[in-house]
Protein backbone atom coordinates (compact mmCIF):
# COMPACT_ATOMS: atom_id res chain seq x y z
CA MET A 1 -10.56 -19.92 -2.82
CA ARG A 2 -10.10 -18.09 0.30
CA ILE A 3 -8.29 -15.34 0.61
CA GLY A 4 -7.48 -13.44 3.79
CA LEU A 5 -7.15 -9.82 2.32
CA LEU A 6 -4.85 -7.63 4.92
CA THR A 7 -4.98 -3.62 5.23
CA GLU A 8 -3.68 -0.81 7.44
CA GLY A 9 -6.04 2.22 7.10
CA GLY A 10 -7.15 0.99 4.03
CA TYR A 11 -9.99 -1.57 2.40
CA PRO A 12 -13.10 -1.41 3.33
CA TYR A 13 -12.81 1.77 4.78
CA VAL A 14 -14.51 4.56 3.20
CA SER A 15 -11.10 6.88 3.27
CA GLY A 16 -8.96 3.86 3.12
CA ASP A 17 -5.41 4.18 1.54
CA ALA A 18 -5.77 1.09 -1.14
CA ARG A 19 -9.80 1.52 -1.03
CA LEU A 20 -10.29 1.64 -4.68
CA TRP A 21 -7.48 -1.01 -6.14
CA CYS A 22 -9.04 -4.00 -3.29
CA ASP A 23 -12.53 -3.47 -3.73
CA ARG A 24 -12.20 -4.00 -7.70
CA LEU A 25 -10.06 -6.75 -7.06
CA VAL A 26 -12.65 -8.68 -4.53
CA HIS A 27 -15.15 -7.66 -7.32
CA GLY A 28 -13.14 -8.47 -9.90
CA LEU A 29 -12.47 -12.24 -8.28
CA ALA A 30 -16.16 -12.77 -7.35
CA GLN A 31 -15.55 -16.86 -7.99
CA HIS A 32 -13.62 -16.69 -4.25
CA GLU A 33 -14.30 -15.57 -0.88
CA PHE A 34 -12.50 -12.82 1.01
CA ASP A 35 -11.80 -13.03 4.55
CA VAL A 36 -11.10 -8.95 5.53
CA TYR A 37 -8.58 -8.60 8.30
CA ALA A 38 -8.33 -4.67 8.43
CA LEU A 39 -5.90 -2.51 11.01
CA SER A 40 -7.74 1.49 11.43
CA ARG A 41 -5.30 4.18 11.42
CA SER A 42 -8.11 6.69 13.25
CA GLN A 43 -11.38 7.35 15.20
CA HIS A 44 -12.74 9.46 12.43
CA GLN A 45 -11.51 6.48 9.93
CA GLU A 46 -13.70 4.23 11.90
CA ASP A 47 -16.88 6.69 12.07
CA GLU A 48 -16.92 7.35 8.33
CA GLY A 49 -17.72 3.80 8.08
CA TRP A 50 -16.99 1.08 4.83
CA ILE A 51 -17.87 0.77 1.52
CA PRO A 52 -20.71 -1.18 0.24
CA LEU A 53 -19.32 -5.07 -0.22
CA PRO A 54 -19.61 -7.73 -2.47
CA ARG A 55 -21.42 -10.96 -1.41
CA ASN A 56 -18.38 -12.90 -1.65
CA VAL A 57 -16.51 -10.79 1.16
CA ARG A 58 -17.54 -13.35 4.27
CA ARG A 59 -16.13 -11.38 6.81
CA VAL A 60 -14.55 -8.75 8.27
CA ARG A 61 -12.75 -8.38 11.39
CA THR A 62 -10.87 -5.03 12.13
CA ALA A 63 -8.67 -3.81 15.26
CA PRO A 64 -7.94 0.01 15.80
CA LEU A 65 -3.98 1.17 15.49
CA TRP A 66 -4.95 4.45 17.15
CA MET A 67 -5.57 3.37 20.45
CA ALA A 68 -4.99 0.20 22.62
CA GLU A 69 -6.84 -0.40 25.73
CA ASP A 70 -4.60 -2.48 28.90
CA ASP A 71 -5.49 -5.92 28.14
CA GLU A 72 -5.08 -6.25 32.27
CA VAL A 73 -2.95 -9.37 31.08
CA ALA A 74 -0.41 -9.84 34.17
CA LEU A 75 2.74 -11.54 33.18
CA GLY A 76 4.38 -13.58 35.61
CA ARG A 77 8.02 -13.62 36.89
CA ARG A 78 8.49 -16.74 34.02
CA ALA A 79 6.48 -14.35 31.38
CA ARG A 80 8.26 -11.42 32.25
CA ARG A 81 11.74 -13.04 31.68
CA ARG A 82 10.73 -14.29 28.26
CA PHE A 83 9.26 -10.51 27.33
CA THR A 84 12.53 -8.99 28.46
CA GLU A 85 14.53 -11.88 26.71
CA CYS A 86 12.53 -11.42 23.50
CA PHE A 87 12.33 -7.63 23.25
CA GLY A 88 15.89 -6.99 24.60
CA GLU A 89 16.84 -8.89 21.57
CA LEU A 90 14.46 -7.15 19.37
CA ALA A 91 15.78 -3.91 20.60
CA ALA A 92 19.60 -4.58 20.44
CA VAL A 93 18.99 -5.70 16.13
CA LEU A 94 17.89 -2.20 16.19
CA CYS A 95 20.53 -0.38 17.58
CA GLY A 96 23.00 -2.89 16.37
CA ALA A 97 24.21 -3.97 19.53
CA PRO A 98 25.89 -7.63 19.51
CA GLY A 99 22.99 -10.59 20.66
CA ALA A 100 23.18 -12.05 23.99
CA SER A 101 25.34 -15.27 24.45
CA PRO A 102 23.37 -18.79 24.13
CA GLY A 103 23.12 -19.20 27.56
CA SER A 104 21.56 -15.77 28.82
CA ALA A 105 18.98 -15.88 25.81
CA SER A 106 16.69 -18.86 27.15
CA GLY A 107 13.81 -17.05 26.15
CA VAL A 108 14.69 -15.90 22.67
CA SER A 109 16.09 -19.46 22.21
CA GLY A 110 13.37 -21.76 23.59
CA ALA A 111 10.14 -19.32 22.77
CA ALA A 112 11.08 -17.73 19.71
CA GLY A 113 13.49 -20.20 18.39
CA ARG A 114 10.43 -22.48 17.22
CA ILE A 115 9.93 -20.81 14.30
CA SER A 116 8.91 -23.85 12.09
CA GLY A 117 12.50 -23.68 10.46
CA SER A 118 11.71 -20.87 8.32
CA ALA A 119 13.41 -17.94 9.40
CA SER A 120 16.15 -20.05 9.82
CA SER A 121 16.66 -21.08 5.95
CA ALA A 122 16.58 -17.56 4.93
CA SER A 123 19.49 -16.69 2.64
CA ALA A 124 22.29 -13.86 3.64
CA SER A 125 20.91 -11.09 1.59
CA ALA A 126 17.42 -11.14 3.20
CA THR A 127 18.43 -7.84 4.47
CA GLY A 128 19.76 -5.82 2.18
CA GLY A 129 23.41 -6.64 2.84
CA ALA A 130 23.12 -7.61 6.28
CA PRO A 131 24.54 -10.81 7.84
CA ALA A 132 21.68 -13.97 7.98
CA SER A 133 21.98 -14.21 11.62
CA GLU A 134 20.67 -10.94 12.27
CA ALA A 135 17.91 -11.56 10.20
CA ASP A 136 17.23 -14.49 12.33
CA ARG A 137 17.99 -12.48 15.14
CA PHE A 138 15.21 -10.17 14.54
CA ALA A 139 12.58 -13.05 13.89
CA ASN A 140 13.35 -14.68 16.49
CA ALA A 141 12.47 -12.08 18.75
CA LEU A 142 9.29 -11.50 16.90
CA TYR A 143 8.12 -14.61 16.96
CA GLY A 144 9.04 -15.36 20.16
CA LEU A 145 7.17 -12.08 21.53
CA ALA A 146 3.84 -13.53 19.64
CA GLU A 147 4.14 -17.04 20.93
CA LEU A 148 4.05 -14.54 24.66
CA ALA A 149 1.24 -12.78 23.19
CA ARG A 150 -0.71 -16.10 22.55
CA ASP A 151 0.33 -17.85 25.65
CA GLU A 152 -0.68 -15.09 27.93
CA GLY A 153 -3.82 -13.66 26.33
CA GLY A 154 -1.96 -10.62 24.95
CA LEU A 155 1.29 -8.15 25.34
CA THR A 156 -0.54 -4.54 25.61
CA GLY A 157 0.25 -3.68 28.81
CA ALA A 158 4.19 -5.20 28.28
CA LEU A 159 4.55 -3.10 25.79
CA ARG A 160 3.52 0.10 27.21
CA SER A 161 5.23 -0.82 30.90
CA GLU A 162 8.25 1.08 31.96
CA ALA A 163 9.76 -2.23 31.94
CA ALA A 164 10.07 -1.90 27.74
CA VAL A 165 11.69 1.57 27.89
CA ARG A 166 14.52 0.49 30.13
CA THR A 167 15.28 -2.60 28.01
CA LEU A 168 15.31 -0.55 24.88
CA GLU A 169 17.60 2.09 27.05
CA GLY A 170 19.73 -0.67 27.55
CA ALA A 171 19.89 -1.71 23.99
CA CYS A 172 21.03 1.87 23.34
CA ARG A 173 23.64 2.04 26.32
CA ALA A 174 25.19 -1.58 25.30
CA PRO A 175 28.61 -1.63 23.99
CA GLY A 176 28.91 -2.22 20.03
CA ALA A 177 25.55 -0.31 19.58
CA HIS A 178 25.49 2.07 16.72
CA ARG A 179 26.55 5.32 18.06
CA THR A 180 22.94 7.55 17.00
CA ALA A 181 21.07 4.90 19.28
CA ARG A 182 23.72 5.73 21.82
CA GLU A 183 22.99 9.41 21.94
CA ALA A 184 18.85 8.75 22.82
CA ARG A 185 17.73 10.68 24.99
CA VAL A 186 14.83 9.78 27.66
CA PRO A 187 11.98 11.82 25.02
CA ASP A 188 13.35 9.90 22.22
CA LEU A 189 13.39 6.25 24.00
CA LEU A 190 10.01 6.88 25.18
CA THR A 191 8.61 7.51 20.60
CA VAL A 192 10.23 4.56 20.02
CA ALA A 193 9.06 2.75 22.60
CA ALA A 194 5.55 4.45 21.55
CA HIS A 195 5.98 3.47 17.73
CA LEU A 196 6.79 -0.31 18.67
CA GLU A 197 4.05 -0.72 20.77
CA ARG A 198 1.84 0.91 17.85
CA ALA A 199 3.49 -1.51 15.26
CA LEU A 200 3.00 -4.61 17.29
CA ARG A 201 -0.11 -4.00 18.23
CA PRO A 202 -1.29 -7.34 15.72
CA LEU A 203 0.95 -9.52 18.26
CA SER A 204 -1.78 -9.60 20.81
CA LEU A 205 -4.68 -10.13 18.65
CA ASP A 206 -6.85 -13.30 18.16
CA TRP A 207 -6.83 -13.63 14.41
CA TYR A 208 -4.81 -16.53 14.49
CA GLU A 209 -7.04 -20.07 15.48
CA ASP A 210 -8.09 -22.46 13.06
CA ASP A 211 -11.17 -20.51 12.57
CA GLY A 212 -9.51 -17.34 11.90
CA LEU A 213 -6.59 -16.57 9.80
CA GLY A 214 -5.92 -20.30 9.79
CA ALA A 215 -9.00 -21.56 7.70
CA VAL A 216 -7.63 -19.33 4.81
CA ASP A 217 -6.01 -20.54 1.67
CA LEU A 218 -3.68 -17.55 1.34
CA CYS A 219 -3.15 -14.35 3.11
CA HIS A 220 -2.84 -11.23 1.09
CA ALA A 221 -1.32 -8.04 2.74
CA ALA A 222 -2.67 -5.13 0.60
CA SER A 223 0.59 -3.15 1.58
CA GLY A 224 3.93 -3.30 3.33
CA GLY A 225 4.82 -2.75 7.41
CA THR A 226 2.14 -3.65 10.07
CA ALA A 227 -0.45 -4.57 7.55
CA ALA A 228 1.79 -7.80 6.51
CA LEU A 229 2.90 -8.62 10.57
CA PRO A 230 -0.67 -10.92 10.40
CA GLY A 231 0.07 -12.28 7.54
CA LEU A 232 3.43 -13.46 8.87
CA LEU A 233 2.12 -14.93 12.62
CA ALA A 234 -0.75 -16.54 10.19
CA ARG A 235 2.11 -18.07 8.37
CA HIS A 236 4.34 -19.06 11.64
CA PHE A 237 1.37 -20.23 13.30
CA THR A 238 -0.57 -22.10 10.46
CA GLY A 239 1.64 -21.98 7.68
CA VAL A 240 -0.64 -20.22 5.56
CA PRO A 241 1.18 -18.30 2.22
CA LEU A 242 1.83 -15.39 2.49
CA MET A 243 2.23 -12.32 -0.52
CA VAL A 244 2.98 -8.95 -0.18
CA THR A 245 1.85 -5.80 -2.21
CA GLU A 246 2.93 -2.57 -2.12
CA TYR A 247 2.09 0.74 -4.55
CA GLY A 248 3.54 2.59 -1.71
CA VAL A 249 7.32 0.81 -0.71
CA ARG A 250 6.20 1.47 3.03
CA LEU A 251 9.94 2.02 4.10
CA ARG A 252 10.45 4.77 1.51
CA THR A 253 7.54 6.84 2.90
CA HIS A 254 9.32 6.37 6.24
CA TYR A 255 12.15 7.76 5.36
CA LEU A 256 10.50 10.95 3.35
CA THR A 257 7.91 11.21 6.42
CA ALA A 258 9.41 13.05 10.08
CA PRO A 259 12.22 14.66 8.95
CA ASP A 260 12.70 17.09 12.03
CA ALA A 261 12.93 13.90 14.14
CA PRO A 262 15.68 13.75 16.20
CA PRO A 263 18.84 11.18 14.76
CA ALA A 264 17.99 8.64 17.61
CA VAL A 265 14.34 8.22 16.74
CA ARG A 266 14.79 8.08 12.78
CA SER A 267 17.46 5.47 13.03
CA LEU A 268 15.65 3.37 15.26
CA LEU A 269 12.30 3.64 13.53
CA ALA A 270 14.18 3.25 10.36
CA ALA A 271 15.93 -0.20 11.28
CA PHE A 272 12.61 -1.50 12.75
CA GLN A 273 10.56 -0.80 9.54
CA GLY A 274 13.76 -2.11 7.25
CA ARG A 275 13.85 -5.25 9.95
CA LEU A 276 10.19 -5.64 9.16
CA ALA A 277 9.88 -5.39 5.47
CA ALA A 278 12.83 -7.69 4.68
CA GLU A 279 11.03 -10.56 6.82
CA ALA A 280 7.88 -10.10 5.27
CA TYR A 281 9.74 -10.62 1.58
CA ARG A 282 11.63 -13.08 3.32
CA GLN A 283 8.60 -15.34 4.15
CA ALA A 284 6.35 -14.00 1.25
CA GLU A 285 5.66 -16.48 -1.48
CA VAL A 286 5.56 -13.43 -4.13
CA VAL A 287 5.81 -9.97 -3.26
CA THR A 288 4.33 -7.88 -6.14
CA ALA A 289 5.21 -3.86 -6.75
CA GLY A 290 3.17 -1.37 -8.72
CA ASN A 291 5.95 -0.26 -10.84
CA THR A 292 9.64 -1.06 -11.42
CA HIS A 293 10.48 1.96 -8.99
CA ALA A 294 9.09 0.14 -6.39
CA ARG A 295 10.43 -2.73 -7.27
CA ARG A 296 13.92 -1.93 -7.17
CA TRP A 297 13.15 0.01 -3.84
CA GLN A 298 11.81 -3.72 -2.84
CA GLU A 299 14.87 -5.18 -3.93
CA ARG A 300 17.06 -2.58 -2.02
CA CYS A 301 15.22 -3.71 0.96
CA GLY A 302 15.92 -7.41 0.96
CA ALA A 303 13.55 -8.69 -1.58
CA GLU A 304 14.78 -11.80 -3.36
CA ARG A 305 14.64 -10.99 -7.34
CA GLU A 306 13.10 -14.06 -7.99
CA LYS A 307 10.39 -13.50 -5.79
CA LEU A 308 9.37 -9.91 -7.49
CA ARG A 309 6.85 -9.22 -9.84
CA THR A 310 5.37 -5.94 -11.35
CA VAL A 311 1.25 -5.68 -11.49
CA TYR A 312 0.46 -2.33 -12.58
CA PRO A 313 -2.38 -0.44 -10.30
CA GLY A 314 -5.87 -1.02 -12.40
CA MET A 315 -7.89 1.69 -14.02
CA ASN A 316 -10.93 1.67 -14.89
CA ALA A 317 -10.98 3.36 -18.28
CA ARG A 318 -14.77 3.70 -18.94
CA PRO A 319 -15.17 7.02 -17.49
CA PHE A 320 -12.50 8.32 -20.20
CA ALA A 321 -13.11 5.80 -22.76
CA GLU A 322 -15.85 9.09 -24.59
CA VAL A 323 -12.83 11.22 -24.42
CA GLY A 324 -10.50 8.74 -25.50
CA GLU A 325 -12.67 7.80 -28.85
CA SER A 326 -12.80 11.49 -29.66
CA THR A 327 -10.35 13.19 -31.57
CA ASP A 328 -11.85 16.47 -31.13
CA CYS A 329 -10.32 19.17 -28.80
CA ALA A 330 -12.50 21.59 -27.33
CA ASP A 331 -9.34 24.53 -27.03
CA PRO A 332 -6.03 23.81 -28.56
CA ASP A 333 -4.53 26.78 -26.72
CA THR A 334 -5.01 25.31 -23.20
CA LEU A 335 -2.42 23.19 -21.13
CA VAL A 336 -4.38 21.25 -18.27
CA TRP A 337 -3.28 19.63 -14.83
CA VAL A 338 -5.41 17.46 -12.95
CA GLY A 339 -4.31 16.64 -9.74
CA ARG A 340 -3.99 16.90 -5.41
CA VAL A 341 -2.91 20.28 -4.91
CA GLU A 342 0.11 20.00 -2.53
CA PRO A 343 3.70 20.96 -2.52
CA ALA A 344 5.05 18.35 -3.74
CA LYS A 345 3.17 18.59 -7.13
CA ASP A 346 5.28 22.04 -7.99
CA LEU A 347 2.71 23.71 -8.89
CA VAL A 348 5.18 27.09 -8.70
CA SER A 349 7.28 25.41 -11.35
CA LEU A 350 4.85 24.86 -13.49
CA LEU A 351 3.57 28.47 -12.98
CA HIS A 352 6.53 29.78 -14.45
CA ALA A 353 6.87 27.53 -16.84
CA PHE A 354 3.48 28.98 -18.21
CA ALA A 355 4.95 32.42 -18.01
CA GLU A 356 7.38 31.36 -20.33
CA VAL A 357 4.68 29.48 -22.45
CA ARG A 358 3.24 32.83 -22.76
CA LYS A 359 5.87 34.79 -24.15
CA GLN A 360 6.06 32.57 -27.25
CA ALA A 361 2.32 31.70 -27.42
CA PRO A 362 0.46 34.68 -26.21
CA ARG A 363 -3.16 32.85 -26.55
CA THR A 364 -2.38 30.12 -24.40
CA ARG A 365 -4.52 29.68 -20.96
CA LEU A 366 -3.56 26.79 -18.55
CA ARG A 367 -6.25 25.19 -16.07
CA ILE A 368 -5.60 23.90 -12.62
CA VAL A 369 -7.74 21.33 -12.03
CA GLY A 370 -7.68 19.55 -8.22
CA ALA A 371 -8.86 20.32 -4.44
CA PRO A 372 -6.08 21.02 -2.06
CA ALA A 373 -4.61 18.07 0.26
CA GLY A 374 -5.39 19.24 3.57
CA PRO A 375 -4.25 22.25 5.44
CA GLU A 376 -0.72 22.38 3.75
CA GLY A 377 -2.26 21.41 0.70
CA THR A 378 -4.50 24.61 0.95
CA ALA A 379 -2.17 27.20 1.97
CA TYR A 380 -0.11 26.12 -0.58
CA LEU A 381 -2.85 26.75 -3.28
CA GLY A 382 -3.34 30.18 -1.88
CA HIS A 383 0.39 30.75 -2.13
CA CYS A 384 -0.02 29.44 -6.06
CA ARG A 385 -2.79 31.99 -6.70
CA THR A 386 -1.41 35.05 -4.98
CA LEU A 387 1.74 33.73 -7.44
CA ALA A 388 -0.44 33.38 -10.44
CA ALA A 389 -1.66 36.82 -9.77
CA GLN A 390 1.52 38.12 -10.24
CA LEU A 391 2.85 36.56 -12.79
CA PHE A 392 0.08 37.47 -15.23
CA PRO A 393 -1.58 40.68 -13.71
CA ASP A 394 -4.93 41.59 -15.65
CA GLU A 395 -4.40 42.80 -19.06
CA ALA A 396 -6.01 46.42 -20.39
CA GLU A 397 -5.79 45.56 -24.03
CA GLY A 398 -4.50 42.65 -26.05
CA PRO A 399 -6.13 38.46 -26.48
CA HIS A 400 -7.60 38.83 -22.81
CA ALA A 401 -9.96 41.82 -21.39
CA ALA A 402 -9.04 43.33 -17.98
CA GLY A 403 -9.94 41.13 -14.89
CA ASP A 404 -9.15 37.53 -16.86
CA ASN A 405 -6.26 36.18 -15.85
CA PRO A 406 -4.78 32.86 -18.31
CA VAL A 407 -4.53 30.55 -15.04
CA SER A 408 -7.71 29.45 -13.41
CA PHE A 409 -8.35 27.07 -10.53
CA GLU A 410 -11.09 24.78 -10.57
CA GLU A 411 -12.11 21.76 -8.48
CA THR A 412 -14.16 18.63 -10.31
CA GLY A 413 -16.43 15.85 -8.76
CA GLY A 414 -19.63 18.48 -7.49
CA PRO A 415 -22.86 18.26 -8.78
CA GLU A 416 -22.39 21.29 -10.76
CA LEU A 417 -18.82 21.09 -11.34
CA PRO A 418 -17.09 19.29 -14.24
CA ALA A 419 -16.10 15.85 -14.66
CA VAL A 420 -12.19 14.48 -14.54
CA ALA A 421 -12.78 13.71 -18.01
CA ASP A 422 -13.98 16.37 -18.93
CA ALA A 423 -11.00 18.42 -17.84
CA TYR A 424 -8.88 16.49 -19.66
CA ALA A 425 -10.69 16.83 -22.69
CA SER A 426 -10.66 20.86 -22.26
CA GLY A 427 -6.92 20.88 -23.10
CA ALA A 428 -4.70 20.10 -25.87
CA VAL A 429 -2.02 18.94 -23.20
CA THR A 430 -1.50 17.67 -20.17
CA VAL A 431 1.17 18.47 -17.77
CA LEU A 432 2.36 16.95 -14.85
CA SER A 433 5.07 18.60 -12.42
CA SER A 434 5.19 16.97 -9.54
CA VAL A 435 9.00 16.58 -7.69
CA VAL A 436 7.45 13.63 -5.63
CA GLU A 437 5.37 10.94 -7.57
CA GLY A 438 4.72 7.17 -6.91
CA PHE A 439 2.95 5.76 -9.77
CA PRO A 440 1.30 8.62 -11.67
CA VAL A 441 -2.47 7.94 -11.61
CA GLY A 442 -3.77 11.29 -13.00
CA LEU A 443 -0.93 10.78 -16.14
CA VAL A 444 -2.86 7.53 -16.81
CA GLU A 445 -6.33 9.03 -17.00
CA ALA A 446 -4.48 11.45 -19.41
CA MET A 447 -3.35 8.72 -21.51
CA LEU A 448 -6.63 7.16 -21.44
CA CYS A 449 -8.10 10.36 -22.61
CA GLY A 450 -5.83 10.29 -25.71
CA ARG A 451 -3.82 13.65 -24.65
CA ALA A 452 -0.24 14.19 -25.07
CA THR A 453 1.49 15.02 -22.14
CA VAL A 454 4.50 16.68 -20.73
CA SER A 455 6.20 15.34 -17.38
CA THR A 456 8.64 15.64 -15.18
CA ASP A 457 11.13 12.76 -14.59
CA VAL A 458 10.31 11.36 -10.89
CA GLY A 459 9.03 8.28 -9.74
CA ALA A 460 7.52 5.46 -12.31
CA VAL A 461 6.82 8.55 -15.09
CA VAL A 462 9.20 7.01 -17.86
CA GLU A 463 7.95 3.60 -16.93
CA VAL A 464 4.35 4.57 -17.43
CA ILE A 465 4.88 7.01 -20.32
CA GLY A 466 6.87 4.59 -22.14
CA GLY A 467 7.87 6.78 -25.30
CA THR A 468 4.19 8.29 -25.92
CA GLY A 469 5.20 11.74 -24.12
CA LEU A 470 7.40 14.14 -23.25
CA VAL A 471 9.42 13.77 -20.10
CA VAL A 472 11.57 17.14 -18.64
CA PRO A 473 13.76 17.45 -15.37
CA PRO A 474 12.24 18.37 -12.49
CA ARG A 475 12.00 21.55 -11.08
CA ASN A 476 13.26 23.22 -14.83
CA PRO A 477 10.54 25.78 -15.48
CA ARG A 478 12.22 26.93 -19.21
CA ALA A 479 12.54 22.72 -20.29
CA LEU A 480 8.95 21.90 -19.24
CA ALA A 481 7.86 25.65 -21.30
CA GLU A 482 10.10 24.40 -24.01
CA ALA A 483 7.65 20.53 -24.12
CA CYS A 484 4.76 22.26 -23.91
CA VAL A 485 5.26 24.71 -26.74
CA ALA A 486 6.80 21.81 -28.87
CA LEU A 487 3.33 20.37 -28.19
CA LEU A 488 1.41 23.44 -28.65
CA ARG A 489 2.75 24.28 -32.21
CA ASP A 490 3.08 20.88 -33.28
CA PRO A 491 -1.09 18.87 -33.58
CA GLU A 492 0.06 16.10 -35.89
CA ARG A 493 2.27 14.88 -33.48
CA ARG A 494 -0.35 16.07 -30.38
CA ALA A 495 -2.16 13.14 -32.23
CA ARG A 496 0.60 11.05 -33.28
CA LEU A 497 1.28 10.42 -29.28
CA GLY A 498 -1.70 11.13 -27.56
CA ALA A 499 -3.04 7.79 -29.68
CA ALA A 500 -0.21 6.02 -28.66
CA ALA A 501 -0.67 6.66 -25.13
CA ARG A 502 -4.22 5.63 -25.31
CA ALA A 503 -3.16 2.55 -26.78
CA ARG A 504 -0.26 1.50 -24.26
CA ALA A 505 -2.85 2.53 -21.35
CA LEU A 506 -5.29 -0.11 -22.22
CA GLU A 507 -2.62 -2.12 -22.48
CA LEU A 508 -0.79 -1.98 -19.24
CA PHE A 509 -3.15 -0.12 -17.09
CA THR A 510 -6.58 -1.62 -16.87
CA VAL A 511 -8.50 -3.28 -14.14
CA GLU A 512 -8.69 -6.54 -16.27
CA GLN A 513 -4.78 -6.85 -16.48
CA ASN A 514 -4.54 -6.28 -12.90
CA ILE A 515 -6.81 -8.82 -12.03
CA GLU A 516 -6.25 -11.46 -14.33
CA ALA A 517 -2.35 -10.79 -12.89
CA PHE A 518 -3.62 -11.26 -9.37
CA HIS A 519 -5.46 -14.25 -10.29
CA GLY A 520 -2.83 -16.18 -11.39
CA ILE A 521 -0.12 -15.53 -8.97
CA TYR A 522 -2.78 -16.81 -6.42
CA LEU A 523 -3.48 -19.77 -8.43
CA GLU A 524 0.36 -20.37 -8.77
CA ILE A 525 1.03 -19.51 -4.70
CA VAL A 526 -1.28 -22.49 -3.63
CA SER A 527 -0.81 -24.67 -6.51
CA ARG A 528 2.55 -24.74 -4.53
CA ALA A 529 1.33 -24.51 -0.41
CA PRO A 530 2.41 -28.11 1.16
CA VAL A 531 -0.59 -29.76 2.35
CA ARG A 532 -1.83 -28.16 5.68
CA ARG A 533 -1.76 -30.34 8.83
CA GLY A 534 -5.69 -30.92 8.81
CA LEU A 535 -5.24 -32.87 5.88
CA LEU A 536 -2.86 -35.25 7.68
CA ASP A 537 -4.06 -39.09 8.63
CA GLY A 538 -2.25 -40.12 11.72
CA ALA A 539 0.68 -41.29 10.31
CA GLY A 540 1.85 -37.86 9.00
CA GLU A 541 0.79 -38.49 5.56
CA PRO A 542 -0.93 -36.15 2.61
CA LEU A 543 -4.51 -37.03 2.28
CA PRO A 544 -4.98 -34.98 -0.93
CA PHE A 545 -8.71 -35.70 -1.48
CA ALA A 546 -9.54 -35.78 2.49
CA VAL A 547 -11.94 -32.56 1.10
CA PRO A 548 -13.77 -33.79 -1.53
CA ALA A 549 -14.07 -30.94 -4.52
CA GLU A 550 -18.32 -30.71 -3.88
CA ALA A 551 -17.40 -29.72 0.17
CA HIS A 552 -17.00 -26.16 -0.85
CA VAL A 553 -18.92 -24.16 -3.98
CA SER A 554 -18.59 -20.67 -4.49
CA VAL A 555 -22.26 -21.01 -5.99
CA ARG A 556 -24.77 -19.73 -3.48
CA TRP A 557 -27.54 -22.87 -3.75
CA THR A 558 -29.99 -21.21 -1.05
CA ALA A 559 -31.75 -18.35 -0.75
CA ALA A 560 -29.94 -14.69 -0.89
CA SER A 561 -28.47 -13.73 2.45
CA PRO A 562 -29.44 -10.63 4.03
CA ASP A 563 -27.31 -7.30 2.65
CA LEU A 564 -24.44 -7.13 3.78
CA ALA A 565 -25.16 -3.13 5.02
CA ALA A 566 -27.77 -4.48 7.67
CA ARG A 567 -24.83 -6.53 9.55
CA SER A 568 -23.68 -3.44 11.89
CA GLY A 569 -20.61 -3.27 13.59
CA PRO A 570 -16.77 -3.99 12.62
CA GLY A 571 -16.75 -7.11 14.29
CA TRP A 572 -19.84 -9.49 12.15
CA ALA A 573 -18.86 -13.04 10.22
CA ALA A 574 -21.06 -13.61 7.40
CA SER A 575 -20.95 -17.09 6.81
CA ARG A 576 -23.17 -18.47 3.75
CA PRO A 577 -24.26 -22.12 4.40
CA VAL A 578 -23.80 -24.14 0.58
CA ARG A 579 -26.36 -26.61 -0.04
CA ALA A 580 -28.04 -28.42 -3.11
CA THR A 581 -31.77 -28.28 -2.87
CA SER A 582 -31.58 -31.32 -5.60
CA PRO A 583 -29.57 -34.20 -7.29
CA LEU A 584 -28.64 -33.19 -10.83
CA PRO A 585 -29.87 -35.06 -13.16
CA ALA A 586 -28.29 -38.01 -15.30
CA PRO A 587 -27.45 -37.36 -18.80
CA GLU A 588 -29.56 -39.30 -20.97
CA GLY A 589 -27.19 -42.02 -21.96
CA ALA A 590 -26.54 -42.79 -18.87
CA ARG A 591 -30.25 -44.08 -17.80
């Protein structure tokens, strides 16, 4: 099977968001071939390079989202009219304005209306309660722009033009537009137009020909949003089935970012992200979520329940195996927190909770292990250090000598620093105090180590814990302290919960179960996919045996190809011909 893996700011870049699970997926499915189509997020990301790629990655094609050179495509009068009509219809949908009359939207009904019957057959629930006609209007406009880009050689210049801003302004000022859209000022319109140009850059790529995404058996978008757009176009132009995976729903992320943006900007961009997500869910054969929390978001944003599957992230259990198999505890009076230091982790509440713990268990210590996440995380770490010094001044007498603060701030990963598993092993209870959390990776690591946990009820925490740990409300230091004290005073209960947590993690959250789940979904989608146009005879009838099985074998019979690392540049395409060196001997009974 040949998979087109679509990423945005992720694999195969060293600093990619989805780098780890994509890398494990590609390595785990070595019997299949992968073509990676990656949208980079910054110059720094491209300069850092790629991670080492396995042999079954046969091609990598990249395109930047952080910059766009003018394609120097000069649209003629008819093409400009098509662009204005399609982009205007897309903007009208985002603004909530009524559509143009059939007679005046010839570009949309002509160019964009040729959608292989896929968009027009969607159900009315595809946009989370919006009428199906709204979904069709967005799809027609989107694919109309895609067809225009293919016919003209690109739309970068048109999307960055003053005409695009004027068209957007006309949609915002049209009768029936939402109030927030009507209030958009010129700076707001420029901001939204720039965002739309960036998000729609995949329309102008040359990835959709028969020797590109048209040659794969399945497109797998490793995230929602812009990453799924190449898959939508591949499905539209060549009929390749699409699958979408989201471990963090992009639309939810959009709602949580840029809270200070003007209302018009937030409204229009949220409408675009919502429409794009709904169209990706509508056209995808299967939509997978990393947990039930994300799955509820997908369903709310328009995904049909019948298409949804939950595939938990796969964690590598080996680094935590030794700790998990051991019943020894380095320090039964130590609480451990592990993660990235940032405000969402709410270490302030944890420190106040620890102050309550010390009143009831004076010998208890707290280890905060992790590095700050960016400048904001560095500032937050400094604030937490100051707070710890205020809450726990150096004691002149008692169990702690002067200068020995019961709270320590440490990092992991360096040659002289402890490994993450050692950090979990150093304490009796692992604490998670977040106020915002998607899939709690650190919690799973603690479970693999067989540690009892106390967590706040956010994100997918309850789903991950499943009754093997204590869960308290977020931003409640007193409840957090009481749960920690309860476990510190009951070693037998800690042992029971830790053993149950490790068994649950090994059953649900390992790399093996993740790879097996995706492999089964791949086979299911391809088995249902219709025969492609290239396998039809002259009368249009299917030719199921047009390509014999021997024509494509994943086993390499030739000499090993040069190492992928020797192939420089993002545009290389590795192809390894399969050639049998000699016929297989006939069985003894057949001679």
